[in-house]
C-alpha atoms as a PDB file:
ATOM      1  CA  UNK A   1      30.307  -0.202  11.243  1.00  0.00           C
ATOM      2  CA  UNK A   2      31.593  -3.012   9.733  1.00  0.00           C
ATOM      3  CA  UNK A   3      30.862  -2.745   5.377  1.00  0.00           C
ATOM      4  CA  UNK A   4      32.424  -4.698   2.971  1.00  0.00           C
ATOM      5  CA  UNK A   5      31.269  -2.430  -0.271  1.00  0.00           C
ATOM      6  CA  UNK A   6      28.130  -0.037  -0.089  1.00  0.00           C
ATOM      7  CA  UNK A   7      24.766  -0.340  -1.171  1.00  0.00           C
ATOM      8  CA  UNK A   8      23.897   2.795  -0.855  1.00  0.00           C
ATOM      9  CA  UNK A   9      24.249   6.298  -2.234  1.00  0.00           C
ATOM     10  CA  UNK A  10      22.764   5.030  -5.156  1.00  0.00           C
ATOM     11  CA  UNK A  11      20.426   7.826  -6.043  1.00  0.00           C
ATOM     12  CA  UNK A  12      20.083   7.501  -9.319  1.00  0.00           C
ATOM     13  CA  UNK A  13      17.821   3.922  -8.221  1.00  0.00           C
ATOM     14  CA  UNK A  14      16.157   6.432  -5.979  1.00  0.00           C
ATOM     15  CA  UNK A  15      14.981   8.534  -8.443  1.00  0.00           C
ATOM     16  CA  UNK A  16      14.061   5.514 -10.653  1.00  0.00           C
ATOM     17  CA  UNK A  17      12.572   2.658  -8.455  1.00  0.00           C
ATOM     18  CA  UNK A  18      10.708   6.082  -6.855  1.00  0.00           C
ATOM     19  CA  UNK A  19       9.477   7.453 -10.255  1.00  0.00           C
ATOM     20  CA  UNK A  20       8.743   3.763 -11.350  1.00  0.00           C
ATOM     21  CA  UNK A  21       6.195   2.598  -8.665  1.00  0.00           C
ATOM     22  CA  UNK A  22       4.644   6.184  -8.621  1.00  0.00           C
ATOM     23  CA  UNK A  23       3.641   6.014 -12.140  1.00  0.00           C
ATOM     24  CA  UNK A  24       2.546   2.363 -11.899  1.00  0.00           C
ATOM     25  CA  UNK A  25      -0.149   3.947  -9.123  1.00  0.00           C
ATOM     26  CA  UNK A  26      -0.825   6.664 -10.934  1.00  0.00           C
ATOM     27  CA  UNK A  27      -2.124   4.979 -13.721  1.00  0.00           C
ATOM     28  CA  UNK A  28      -3.713   2.038 -12.183  1.00  0.00           C
ATOM     29  CA  UNK A  29      -5.464   4.656  -9.577  1.00  0.00           C
ATOM     30  CA  UNK A  30      -5.893   7.786 -12.068  1.00  0.00           C
ATOM     31  CA  UNK A  31      -6.593  10.257  -9.526  1.00  0.00           C
ATOM     32  CA  UNK A  32      -9.466  13.036 -10.666  1.00  0.00           C
ATOM     33  CA  UNK A  33     -10.661  14.810  -7.232  1.00  0.00           C
ATOM     34  CA  UNK A  34      -8.600  16.355  -4.622  1.00  0.00           C
ATOM     35  CA  UNK A  35      -9.686  13.513  -2.586  1.00  0.00           C
ATOM     36  CA  UNK A  36      -7.982  10.948  -4.700  1.00  0.00           C
ATOM     37  CA  UNK A  37      -4.963  13.329  -5.222  1.00  0.00           C
ATOM     38  CA  UNK A  38      -4.566  13.552  -1.358  1.00  0.00           C
ATOM     39  CA  UNK A  39      -4.392   9.536  -1.174  1.00  0.00           C
ATOM     40  CA  UNK A  40      -2.064   9.460  -4.429  1.00  0.00           C
ATOM     41  CA  UNK A  41       0.144  11.715  -2.530  1.00  0.00           C
ATOM     42  CA  UNK A  42       0.152   9.952   0.918  1.00  0.00           C
ATOM     43  CA  UNK A  43       1.177   6.904  -0.980  1.00  0.00           C
ATOM     44  CA  UNK A  44       4.109   8.744  -3.277  1.00  0.00           C
ATOM     45  CA  UNK A  45       5.292  10.393  -0.015  1.00  0.00           C
ATOM     46  CA  UNK A  46       6.039   6.448   1.567  1.00  0.00           C
ATOM     47  CA  UNK A  47       7.026   5.388  -1.883  1.00  0.00           C
ATOM     48  CA  UNK A  48       9.979   7.901  -1.863  1.00  0.00           C
ATOM     49  CA  UNK A  49      10.415   7.504   2.087  1.00  0.00           C
ATOM     50  CA  UNK A  50      11.284   3.575   1.470  1.00  0.00           C
ATOM     51  CA  UNK A  51      13.216   3.633  -1.823  1.00  0.00           C
ATOM     52  CA  UNK A  52      15.443   6.589  -0.577  1.00  0.00           C
ATOM     53  CA  UNK A  53      16.513   4.507   2.345  1.00  0.00           C
ATOM     54  CA  UNK A  54      16.625   1.480   0.482  1.00  0.00           C
ATOM     55  CA  UNK A  55      19.115   3.113  -1.767  1.00  0.00           C
ATOM     56  CA  UNK A  56      20.389   6.231  -0.962  1.00  0.00           C
ATOM     57  CA  UNK A  57      21.277   6.719   2.781  1.00  0.00           C
ATOM     58  CA  UNK A  58      20.264   3.276   5.106  1.00  0.00           C
ATOM     59  CA  UNK A  59      19.153   6.042   8.172  1.00  0.00           C
ATOM     60  CA  UNK A  60      17.351   3.109   9.946  1.00  0.00           C
ATOM     61  CA  UNK A  61      20.671   0.544   9.810  1.00  0.00           C
ATOM     62  CA  UNK A  62      22.606   3.604  11.046  1.00  0.00           C
ATOM     63  CA  UNK A  63      20.320   4.189  14.100  1.00  0.00           C
ATOM     64  CA  UNK A  64      19.720   0.423  15.020  1.00  0.00           C
ATOM     65  CA  UNK A  65      24.067   0.042  14.182  1.00  0.00           C
ATOM     66  CA  UNK A  66      24.821  -0.654  17.367  1.00  0.00           C
ATOM     67  CA  UNK A  67      22.027  -3.242  18.703  1.00  0.00           C
ATOM     68  CA  UNK A  68      22.259  -5.078  15.265  1.00  0.00           C
ATOM     69  CA  UNK A  69      26.170  -4.976  15.558  1.00  0.00           C
ATOM     70  CA  UNK A  70      25.546  -6.188  19.264  1.00  0.00           C
ATOM     71  CA  UNK A  71      23.165  -8.987  18.399  1.00  0.00           C
ATOM     72  CA  UNK A  72      25.221 -10.016  15.117  1.00  0.00           C
ATOM     73  CA  UNK A  73      29.023  -9.678  15.569  1.00  0.00           C
ATOM     74  CA  UNK A  74      31.160  -8.600  12.131  1.00  0.00           C
ATOM     75  CA  UNK A  75      27.290  -7.789  10.141  1.00  0.00           C
ATOM     76  CA  UNK A  76      28.234  -6.193   7.093  1.00  0.00           C
ATOM     77  CA  UNK A  77      25.811  -2.888   7.967  1.00  0.00           C
ATOM     78  CA  UNK A  78      26.741  -1.345   4.504  1.00  0.00           C
ATOM     79  CA  UNK A  79      25.267  -4.436   2.165  1.00  0.00           C
ATOM     80  CA  UNK A  80      22.162  -3.912   0.848  1.00  0.00           C
ATOM     81  CA  UNK A  81      21.198  -7.503   2.356  1.00  0.00           C
ATOM     82  CA  UNK A  82      21.069  -6.654   5.944  1.00  0.00           C
ATOM     83  CA  UNK A  83      18.895  -3.734   4.789  1.00  0.00           C
ATOM     84  CA  UNK A  84      15.966  -6.798   4.776  1.00  0.00           C
ATOM     85  CA  UNK A  85      15.697  -5.850   8.314  1.00  0.00           C
ATOM     86  CA  UNK A  86      13.155  -9.459   8.713  1.00  0.00           C
ATOM     87  CA  UNK A  87      15.592 -11.573   7.533  1.00  0.00           C
ATOM     88  CA  UNK A  88      18.410 -10.030   9.591  1.00  0.00           C
ATOM     89  CA  UNK A  89      16.419  -9.157  13.060  1.00  0.00           C
ATOM     90  CA  UNK A  90      15.285 -13.110  12.432  1.00  0.00           C
ATOM     91  CA  UNK A  91      18.582 -13.924  11.488  1.00  0.00           C
ATOM     92  CA  UNK A  92      17.184 -15.986   8.581  1.00  0.00           C
ATOM     93  CA  UNK A  93      19.656 -17.705   6.101  1.00  0.00           C
ATOM     94  CA  UNK A  94      20.103 -17.359   2.879  1.00  0.00           C
ATOM     95  CA  UNK A  95      19.375 -14.873  -0.120  1.00  0.00           C
ATOM     96  CA  UNK A  96      16.828 -12.362   1.898  1.00  0.00           C
ATOM     97  CA  UNK A  97      14.895 -11.927  -1.874  1.00  0.00           C
ATOM     98  CA  UNK A  98      14.082 -15.334  -1.155  1.00  0.00           C
ATOM     99  CA  UNK A  99      12.688 -15.665   1.985  1.00  0.00           C
ATOM    100  CA  UNK A 100       9.027 -15.923   3.687  1.00  0.00           C
ATOM    101  CA  UNK A 101       9.039 -12.069   3.958  1.00  0.00           C
ATOM    102  CA  UNK A 102       9.981 -11.113   0.313  1.00  0.00           C
ATOM    103  CA  UNK A 103       7.512 -13.641  -1.482  1.00  0.00           C
ATOM    104  CA  UNK A 104       4.603 -12.397   1.182  1.00  0.00           C
ATOM    105  CA  UNK A 105       5.474  -8.317  -0.268  1.00  0.00           C
ATOM    106  CA  UNK A 106       5.295  -9.239  -3.926  1.00  0.00           C
ATOM    107  CA  UNK A 107       2.017 -11.187  -3.423  1.00  0.00           C
ATOM    108  CA  UNK A 108       0.449  -8.165  -1.303  1.00  0.00           C
ATOM    109  CA  UNK A 109       2.379  -4.991  -3.935  1.00  0.00           C
ATOM    110  CA  UNK A 110       1.136  -7.342  -6.697  1.00  0.00           C
ATOM    111  CA  UNK A 111      -2.362  -8.126  -5.418  1.00  0.00           C
ATOM    112  CA  UNK A 112      -2.720  -4.596  -4.246  1.00  0.00           C
ATOM    113  CA  UNK A 113      -1.605  -3.060  -7.913  1.00  0.00           C
ATOM    114  CA  UNK A 114      -4.220  -5.579  -9.497  1.00  0.00           C
ATOM    115  CA  UNK A 115      -6.955  -4.894  -7.118  1.00  0.00           C
ATOM    116  CA  UNK A 116      -5.753  -1.081  -7.724  1.00  0.00           C
ATOM    117  CA  UNK A 117      -6.686  -1.041 -11.585  1.00  0.00           C
ATOM    118  CA  UNK A 118      -9.809  -3.391 -11.374  1.00  0.00           C
ATOM    119  CA  UNK A 119     -11.743  -1.217  -8.953  1.00  0.00           C
ATOM    120  CA  UNK A 120     -10.631   1.921 -10.777  1.00  0.00           C
ATOM    121  CA  UNK A 121     -11.992   0.663 -13.993  1.00  0.00           C
ATOM    122  CA  UNK A 122     -15.868   0.234 -12.224  1.00  0.00           C
ATOM    123  CA  UNK A 123     -15.523   3.048 -10.353  1.00  0.00           C
ATOM    124  CA  UNK A 124     -14.661   5.521 -13.543  1.00  0.00           C
ATOM    125  CA  UNK A 125     -17.853   3.187 -15.341  1.00  0.00           C
ATOM    126  CA  UNK A 126     -20.081   4.090 -12.433  1.00  0.00           C
ATOM    127  CA  UNK A 127     -18.986   7.397 -12.452  1.00  0.00           C
ATOM    128  CA  UNK A 128     -20.042   7.802 -15.590  1.00  0.00           C
ATOM    129  CA  UNK A 129     -22.987   6.919 -15.857  1.00  0.00           C
ATOM    130  CA  UNK A 130     -23.896   8.832 -12.557  1.00  0.00           C
ATOM    131  CA  UNK A 131     -24.231   4.940 -10.767  1.00  0.00           C
ATOM    132  CA  UNK A 132     -22.991   3.572  -7.361  1.00  0.00           C
ATOM    133  CA  UNK A 133     -20.227   2.051  -8.111  1.00  0.00           C
ATOM    134  CA  UNK A 134     -21.425  -1.738  -6.475  1.00  0.00           C
ATOM    135  CA  UNK A 135     -19.940  -4.389  -8.944  1.00  0.00           C
ATOM    136  CA  UNK A 136     -16.601  -6.121  -9.249  1.00  0.00           C
ATOM    137  CA  UNK A 137     -14.245  -5.400  -6.487  1.00  0.00           C
ATOM    138  CA  UNK A 138     -16.834  -3.094  -5.042  1.00  0.00           C
ATOM    139  CA  UNK A 139     -19.406  -5.846  -4.590  1.00  0.00           C
ATOM    140  CA  UNK A 140     -16.820  -7.394  -1.599  1.00  0.00           C
ATOM    141  CA  UNK A 141     -15.665  -4.123   0.298  1.00  0.00           C
ATOM    142  CA  UNK A 142     -16.431  -0.242  -0.364  1.00  0.00           C
ATOM    143  CA  UNK A 143     -12.789   0.825  -0.183  1.00  0.00           C
ATOM    144  CA  UNK A 144     -11.188  -1.182  -2.417  1.00  0.00           C
ATOM    145  CA  UNK A 145      -8.635   1.476  -3.726  1.00  0.00           C
ATOM    146  CA  UNK A 146      -7.870   2.480  -0.389  1.00  0.00           C
ATOM    147  CA  UNK A 147      -7.540  -1.009   0.915  1.00  0.00           C
ATOM    148  CA  UNK A 148      -5.105  -1.538  -2.388  1.00  0.00           C
ATOM    149  CA  UNK A 149      -3.021   1.199  -1.525  1.00  0.00           C
ATOM    150  CA  UNK A 150      -2.877  -0.218   2.412  1.00  0.00           C
ATOM    151  CA  UNK A 151      -2.044  -3.533   0.755  1.00  0.00           C
ATOM    152  CA  UNK A 152       0.925  -1.742  -1.290  1.00  0.00           C
ATOM    153  CA  UNK A 153       2.595  -0.329   1.431  1.00  0.00           C
ATOM    154  CA  UNK A 154       1.913  -3.314   3.965  1.00  0.00           C
ATOM    155  CA  UNK A 155       3.953  -5.071   0.976  1.00  0.00           C
ATOM    156  CA  UNK A 156       6.774  -2.936   1.181  1.00  0.00           C
ATOM    157  CA  UNK A 157       7.234  -2.876   5.111  1.00  0.00           C
ATOM    158  CA  UNK A 158       7.862  -6.608   4.913  1.00  0.00           C
ATOM    159  CA  UNK A 159      10.487  -6.051   1.910  1.00  0.00           C
ATOM    160  CA  UNK A 160      12.320  -4.057   3.275  1.00  0.00           C
ATOM    161  CA  UNK A 161      11.108  -2.048   6.613  1.00  0.00           C
ATOM    162  CA  UNK A 162      12.042   1.467   7.831  1.00  0.00           C
ATOM    163  CA  UNK A 163      12.030   3.355  10.523  1.00  0.00           C
ATOM    164  CA  UNK A 164      10.333   6.558   9.027  1.00  0.00           C
ATOM    165  CA  UNK A 165       7.840   4.135   6.924  1.00  0.00           C
ATOM    166  CA  UNK A 166       6.620   1.726   9.718  1.00  0.00           C
ATOM    167  CA  UNK A 167       5.987   5.577  11.474  1.00  0.00           C
ATOM    168  CA  UNK A 168       4.229   6.508   8.281  1.00  0.00           C
ATOM    169  CA  UNK A 169       1.883   3.863   8.216  1.00  0.00           C
ATOM    170  CA  UNK A 170      -0.015   3.730  10.889  1.00  0.00           C
ATOM    171  CA  UNK A 171      -0.593   7.691   9.806  1.00  0.00           C
ATOM    172  CA  UNK A 172      -1.722   6.980   6.272  1.00  0.00           C
ATOM    173  CA  UNK A 173      -3.783   4.065   7.518  1.00  0.00           C
ATOM    174  CA  UNK A 174      -5.941   6.955   9.495  1.00  0.00           C
ATOM    175  CA  UNK A 175      -5.961   8.821   6.714  1.00  0.00           C
ATOM    176  CA  UNK A 176      -7.456   6.317   4.286  1.00  0.00           C
ATOM    177  CA  UNK A 177     -10.482   5.260   6.623  1.00  0.00           C
ATOM    178  CA  UNK A 178     -10.785   8.931   6.870  1.00  0.00           C
ATOM    179  CA  UNK A 179     -11.019   9.529   3.433  1.00  0.00           C
ATOM    180  CA  UNK A 180     -12.932   6.423   3.640  1.00  0.00           C
ATOM    181  CA  UNK A 181     -15.689   7.618   5.889  1.00  0.00           C
ATOM    182  CA  UNK A 182     -15.897  11.132   4.179  1.00  0.00           C
ATOM    183  CA  UNK A 183     -16.616   9.143   0.653  1.00  0.00           C
ATOM    184  CA  UNK A 184     -19.339   7.316   2.678  1.00  0.00           C
ATOM    185  CA  UNK A 185     -21.206  10.667   3.773  1.00  0.00           C
ATOM    186  CA  UNK A 186     -21.020  12.078   0.206  1.00  0.00           C
ATOM    187  CA  UNK A 187     -22.793   8.767  -0.920  1.00  0.00           C
ATOM    188  CA  UNK A 188     -24.911   8.760   1.361  1.00  0.00           C
ATOM    189  CA  UNK A 189     -25.818  12.733   0.425  1.00  0.00           C
ATOM    190  CA  UNK A 190     -25.973  11.342  -3.214  1.00  0.00           C
ATOM    191  CA  UNK A 191     -27.486   8.013  -3.317  1.00  0.00           C
ATOM    192  CA  UNK A 192     -29.268   8.264  -0.049  1.00  0.00           C
ATOM    193  CA  UNK A 193     -31.280   4.570   0.727  1.00  0.00           C
ATOM    194  CA  UNK A 194     -29.521   3.358  -2.095  1.00  0.00           C
ATOM    195  CA  UNK A 195     -26.096   3.310  -0.295  1.00  0.00           C
ATOM    196  CA  UNK A 196     -27.836   2.357   2.724  1.00  0.00           C
ATOM    197  CA  UNK A 197     -28.302  -0.837   1.447  1.00  0.00           C
ATOM    198  CA  UNK A 198     -24.917  -1.499   0.089  1.00  0.00           C
ATOM    199  CA  UNK A 199     -23.653  -0.007   3.309  1.00  0.00           C
ATOM    200  CA  UNK A 200     -25.383  -2.247   5.236  1.00  0.00           C
ATOM    201  CA  UNK A 201     -24.819  -5.355   2.762  1.00  0.00           C
ATOM    202  CA  UNK A 202     -20.815  -4.716   2.193  1.00  0.00           C
ATOM    203  CA  UNK A 203     -18.479  -4.535   4.601  1.00  0.00           C
ATOM    204  CA  UNK A 204     -15.968  -1.233   3.932  1.00  0.00           C
ATOM    205  CA  UNK A 205     -12.682  -2.901   4.141  1.00  0.00           C
ATOM    206  CA  UNK A 206     -12.351  -6.784   5.093  1.00  0.00           C
ATOM    207  CA  UNK A 207     -14.670  -8.746   2.530  1.00  0.00           C
ATOM    208  CA  UNK A 208     -17.190 -11.547   4.220  1.00  0.00           C
ATOM    209  CA  UNK A 209     -16.236 -14.938   2.985  1.00  0.00           C
ATOM    210  CA  UNK A 210     -19.824 -15.579   2.014  1.00  0.00           C
ATOM    211  CA  UNK A 211     -22.401 -13.552   0.482  1.00  0.00           C
ATOM    212  CA  UNK A 212     -25.727 -12.970  -1.106  1.00  0.00           C
ATOM    213  CA  UNK A 213     -25.086 -11.048  -4.459  1.00  0.00           C
ATOM    214  CA  UNK A 214     -27.087  -8.031  -3.843  1.00  0.00           C
ATOM    215  CA  UNK A 215     -25.884  -6.512  -7.168  1.00  0.00           C
ATOM    216  CA  UNK A 216     -29.011  -6.257  -9.353  1.00  0.00           C
ATOM    217  CA  UNK A 217     -31.231  -4.215  -6.212  1.00  0.00           C
ATOM    218  CA  UNK A 218     -27.850  -1.664  -5.464  1.00  0.00           C
ATOM    219  CA  UNK A 219     -27.699  -1.102  -9.256  1.00  0.00           C
ATOM    220  CA  UNK A 220     -31.198   0.176  -9.683  1.00  0.00           C
ATOM    221  CA  UNK A 221     -30.739   2.859  -6.919  1.00  0.00           C
ATOM    222  CA  UNK A 222     -29.646   6.582  -8.106  1.00  0.00           C
END
């Protein structure tokens, strides 16, 4: 295995970065219910697995080492830049931190945290008033918090894909979809026809480009 100075074994950075992003997610999402804690815990597991490979032990690089060296003779497998696997696989030149994958990752990660924060504020106010959350992000999609978690994880996959997180991602997406269905069933039991009208007007996961504003009609339902 060709390598110069190793970019791994930095377990302090694993702990520090994991803590920063988990605390960010906690402060923006503020889990309260058991369902909230399940979604937050799954996201936290993804983050720990990600940074454990980013700065700790490069399991994916180790598994793919033979194939990577065959494609790129002389590649520094233990160099940190090599871990940006999309750039390595596609042979992109230059600093991978400025690649299109890395730039897109910032958009998804930053956008996900903004969506998570804005959705929580709407949901918190609605829960305190015993109403259905239908404004802000909830006027565009029914599950903005779950979409936010998925967007953040997808952003990290664009930035630093690993075998483990690539396997975890579809499993966690399926879990969030299941939690969304559970949330919808509770909404129908609690708000009845009001939730049915809301669900008929607002898509669950992907916002429509054009929509009518039905907020006033939803807001009157309890």
